[in-house]
Each structure stands twice: as C-alpha cells, then as structure tokens.
Amino acid sequence: MSSVLRVPAADIGPDSSMDTVTGWDSLRHLTLVLALEDEFGVQIPDEEAGSITSYPLIKLVLTELLEA
C-alpha cells in the first residue's frame, strides 16, 4: 500500500482510508487493487474492489479471499 499510495509504511494503519491518505484517489485506488491482486494471487470481485476504501476493509477482503 505504501508504495502505491506513496506514503511511508509507518503511516498505513487502522485509520488509513481514502479520506485520510493524501493522494489516494480513484486512479491510485485502481492501481492499489491491481497490486493487491498481483501480490496476494487473488481476484478481487469488481463489486468489492470499489468498496475497499480503507485499510481495515482491504484486510477483511484479503483475509476472506485467502481463506476461501
């Protein structure tokens, strides 16, 4: 997340979201979703890709996909 959003890794945490991370716009969000899919070897469904707009939601979706 930090490399795609261009923020220090220490700045990513439970409060990180599109509202709190400067530069997390729709283009970076798409890039982040693609990077997560590549990194974790999962396919994030389109209906979920648009709604994972915070660190906790990303964690939740990835956990569900990896446990499936």
N, C-alpha and C. Protein backbone atom coordinates (compact mmCIF):
# COMPACT_ATOMS: atom_id res chain seq x y z
N MET A 1 0.82 -1.19 0.00
CA MET A 1 0.00 0.00 0.00
C MET A 1 0.86 1.25 0.00
N SER A 2 1.93 1.23 0.79
CA SER A 2 2.73 2.44 0.90
C SER A 2 3.38 2.82 -0.42
N SER A 3 3.84 1.83 -1.19
CA SER A 3 4.49 2.17 -2.45
C SER A 3 3.50 2.70 -3.48
N VAL A 4 2.32 2.11 -3.55
CA VAL A 4 1.31 2.58 -4.50
C VAL A 4 0.78 3.95 -4.10
N LEU A 5 0.54 4.14 -2.80
CA LEU A 5 -0.02 5.41 -2.33
C LEU A 5 1.05 6.47 -2.07
N ARG A 6 2.31 6.03 -2.15
CA ARG A 6 3.45 6.94 -1.97
C ARG A 6 3.46 7.63 -0.61
N VAL A 7 3.30 6.79 0.42
CA VAL A 7 3.39 7.27 1.80
C VAL A 7 4.27 6.28 2.56
N PRO A 8 4.90 6.71 3.65
CA PRO A 8 5.71 5.78 4.44
C PRO A 8 4.85 4.65 4.99
N ALA A 9 5.42 3.45 5.05
CA ALA A 9 4.69 2.29 5.56
C ALA A 9 4.18 2.53 6.97
N ALA A 10 4.93 3.29 7.76
CA ALA A 10 4.52 3.59 9.14
C ALA A 10 3.23 4.40 9.18
N ASP A 11 2.89 5.07 8.08
CA ASP A 11 1.68 5.88 8.03
C ASP A 11 0.43 5.06 7.68
N ILE A 12 0.62 3.78 7.33
CA ILE A 12 -0.51 2.92 6.98
C ILE A 12 -0.94 2.16 8.23
N GLY A 13 -2.21 2.28 8.57
CA GLY A 13 -2.71 1.61 9.77
C GLY A 13 -4.22 1.57 9.78
N PRO A 14 -4.80 1.23 10.91
CA PRO A 14 -6.25 1.05 11.02
C PRO A 14 -7.07 2.28 10.63
N ASP A 15 -6.49 3.46 10.72
CA ASP A 15 -7.23 4.67 10.37
C ASP A 15 -7.01 5.12 8.92
N SER A 16 -6.22 4.36 8.16
CA SER A 16 -5.92 4.74 6.78
C SER A 16 -7.12 4.47 5.87
N SER A 17 -7.50 5.50 5.13
CA SER A 17 -8.61 5.36 4.18
C SER A 17 -8.45 6.40 3.08
N MET A 18 -9.34 6.35 2.11
CA MET A 18 -9.30 7.35 1.04
C MET A 18 -9.49 8.75 1.61
N ASP A 19 -10.14 8.86 2.75
CA ASP A 19 -10.38 10.16 3.36
C ASP A 19 -9.18 10.69 4.14
N THR A 20 -8.29 9.80 4.56
CA THR A 20 -7.18 10.23 5.42
C THR A 20 -5.81 10.20 4.75
N VAL A 21 -5.68 9.49 3.63
CA VAL A 21 -4.39 9.40 2.95
C VAL A 21 -4.40 10.33 1.74
N THR A 22 -3.56 11.35 1.81
CA THR A 22 -3.46 12.30 0.71
C THR A 22 -3.00 11.57 -0.55
N GLY A 23 -3.65 11.81 -1.65
CA GLY A 23 -3.26 11.20 -2.90
C GLY A 23 -3.95 9.88 -3.21
N TRP A 24 -4.74 9.34 -2.26
CA TRP A 24 -5.47 8.10 -2.53
C TRP A 24 -6.73 8.49 -3.31
N ASP A 25 -6.56 8.61 -4.60
CA ASP A 25 -7.66 8.99 -5.47
C ASP A 25 -8.13 7.76 -6.25
N SER A 26 -9.05 7.95 -7.17
CA SER A 26 -9.63 6.80 -7.88
C SER A 26 -8.60 6.07 -8.74
N LEU A 27 -7.68 6.79 -9.34
CA LEU A 27 -6.65 6.15 -10.16
C LEU A 27 -5.70 5.33 -9.29
N ARG A 28 -5.25 5.90 -8.19
CA ARG A 28 -4.38 5.14 -7.28
C ARG A 28 -5.13 3.97 -6.66
N HIS A 29 -6.42 4.12 -6.45
CA HIS A 29 -7.21 3.03 -5.90
C HIS A 29 -7.21 1.84 -6.86
N LEU A 30 -7.42 2.11 -8.13
CA LEU A 30 -7.39 1.05 -9.13
C LEU A 30 -6.02 0.39 -9.18
N THR A 31 -4.97 1.19 -9.14
CA THR A 31 -3.61 0.67 -9.12
C THR A 31 -3.38 -0.18 -7.88
N LEU A 32 -3.91 0.26 -6.75
CA LEU A 32 -3.77 -0.49 -5.49
C LEU A 32 -4.47 -1.83 -5.58
N VAL A 33 -5.67 -1.86 -6.11
CA VAL A 33 -6.41 -3.12 -6.24
C VAL A 33 -5.63 -4.09 -7.13
N LEU A 34 -5.11 -3.61 -8.24
CA LEU A 34 -4.33 -4.47 -9.14
C LEU A 34 -3.06 -4.98 -8.45
N ALA A 35 -2.41 -4.11 -7.69
CA ALA A 35 -1.19 -4.51 -6.98
C ALA A 35 -1.50 -5.55 -5.90
N LEU A 36 -2.61 -5.39 -5.20
CA LEU A 36 -3.01 -6.37 -4.18
C LEU A 36 -3.31 -7.72 -4.82
N GLU A 37 -4.01 -7.70 -5.95
CA GLU A 37 -4.31 -8.95 -6.64
C GLU A 37 -3.03 -9.66 -7.06
N ASP A 38 -2.09 -8.91 -7.57
CA ASP A 38 -0.82 -9.47 -8.01
C ASP A 38 -0.01 -10.00 -6.83
N GLU A 39 0.08 -9.22 -5.78
CA GLU A 39 0.88 -9.58 -4.61
C GLU A 39 0.34 -10.82 -3.89
N PHE A 40 -0.97 -10.91 -3.77
CA PHE A 40 -1.57 -11.99 -3.00
C PHE A 40 -2.14 -13.12 -3.86
N GLY A 41 -2.07 -12.99 -5.18
CA GLY A 41 -2.55 -14.04 -6.07
C GLY A 41 -4.04 -14.29 -5.97
N VAL A 42 -4.80 -13.22 -5.83
CA VAL A 42 -6.26 -13.32 -5.70
C VAL A 42 -6.93 -12.47 -6.77
N GLN A 43 -8.20 -12.70 -6.96
CA GLN A 43 -9.03 -11.89 -7.86
C GLN A 43 -10.07 -11.20 -7.00
N ILE A 44 -9.96 -9.90 -6.86
CA ILE A 44 -10.93 -9.14 -6.06
C ILE A 44 -12.12 -8.83 -6.96
N PRO A 45 -13.31 -9.32 -6.58
CA PRO A 45 -14.50 -9.06 -7.40
C PRO A 45 -14.74 -7.56 -7.57
N ASP A 46 -15.22 -7.19 -8.75
CA ASP A 46 -15.45 -5.77 -9.06
C ASP A 46 -16.33 -5.09 -8.01
N GLU A 47 -17.36 -5.79 -7.54
CA GLU A 47 -18.28 -5.16 -6.57
C GLU A 47 -17.58 -4.87 -5.24
N GLU A 48 -16.52 -5.62 -4.93
CA GLU A 48 -15.77 -5.36 -3.70
C GLU A 48 -14.62 -4.39 -3.94
N ALA A 49 -14.07 -4.41 -5.15
CA ALA A 49 -12.91 -3.57 -5.46
C ALA A 49 -13.22 -2.09 -5.23
N GLY A 50 -14.41 -1.67 -5.57
CA GLY A 50 -14.78 -0.27 -5.41
C GLY A 50 -15.07 0.12 -3.98
N SER A 51 -15.32 -0.87 -3.13
CA SER A 51 -15.73 -0.55 -1.76
C SER A 51 -14.61 -0.73 -0.73
N ILE A 52 -13.46 -1.24 -1.13
CA ILE A 52 -12.37 -1.44 -0.16
C ILE A 52 -11.54 -0.15 -0.08
N THR A 53 -12.12 0.83 0.55
CA THR A 53 -11.52 2.17 0.58
C THR A 53 -10.84 2.50 1.91
N SER A 54 -10.52 1.46 2.68
CA SER A 54 -9.78 1.69 3.92
C SER A 54 -8.92 0.45 4.20
N TYR A 55 -7.91 0.64 5.03
CA TYR A 55 -7.03 -0.46 5.39
C TYR A 55 -7.79 -1.62 6.04
N PRO A 56 -8.68 -1.36 7.00
CA PRO A 56 -9.42 -2.48 7.60
C PRO A 56 -10.27 -3.25 6.58
N LEU A 57 -10.89 -2.55 5.64
CA LEU A 57 -11.71 -3.23 4.64
C LEU A 57 -10.83 -4.05 3.68
N ILE A 58 -9.67 -3.52 3.33
CA ILE A 58 -8.75 -4.27 2.47
C ILE A 58 -8.31 -5.54 3.18
N LYS A 59 -7.96 -5.41 4.46
CA LYS A 59 -7.56 -6.58 5.24
C LYS A 59 -8.67 -7.62 5.30
N LEU A 60 -9.89 -7.18 5.52
CA LEU A 60 -11.04 -8.08 5.61
C LEU A 60 -11.24 -8.84 4.30
N VAL A 61 -11.26 -8.13 3.19
CA VAL A 61 -11.48 -8.77 1.89
C VAL A 61 -10.35 -9.73 1.56
N LEU A 62 -9.10 -9.33 1.79
CA LEU A 62 -7.98 -10.22 1.50
C LEU A 62 -8.03 -11.47 2.37
N THR A 63 -8.37 -11.31 3.64
CA THR A 63 -8.48 -12.45 4.54
C THR A 63 -9.54 -13.42 4.04
N GLU A 64 -10.69 -12.90 3.65
CA GLU A 64 -11.77 -13.75 3.14
C GLU A 64 -11.34 -14.48 1.89
N LEU A 65 -10.67 -13.79 0.97
CA LEU A 65 -10.25 -14.40 -0.28
C LEU A 65 -9.17 -15.45 -0.07
N LEU A 66 -8.27 -15.20 0.85
CA LEU A 66 -7.17 -16.13 1.10
C LEU A 66 -7.63 -17.36 1.86
N GLU A 67 -8.70 -17.25 2.62
CA GLU A 67 -9.22 -18.38 3.38
C GLU A 67 -10.19 -19.23 2.56
N ALA A 68 -10.62 -18.71 1.43
CA ALA A 68 -11.61 -19.43 0.59
C ALA A 68 -11.00 -20.63 -0.09
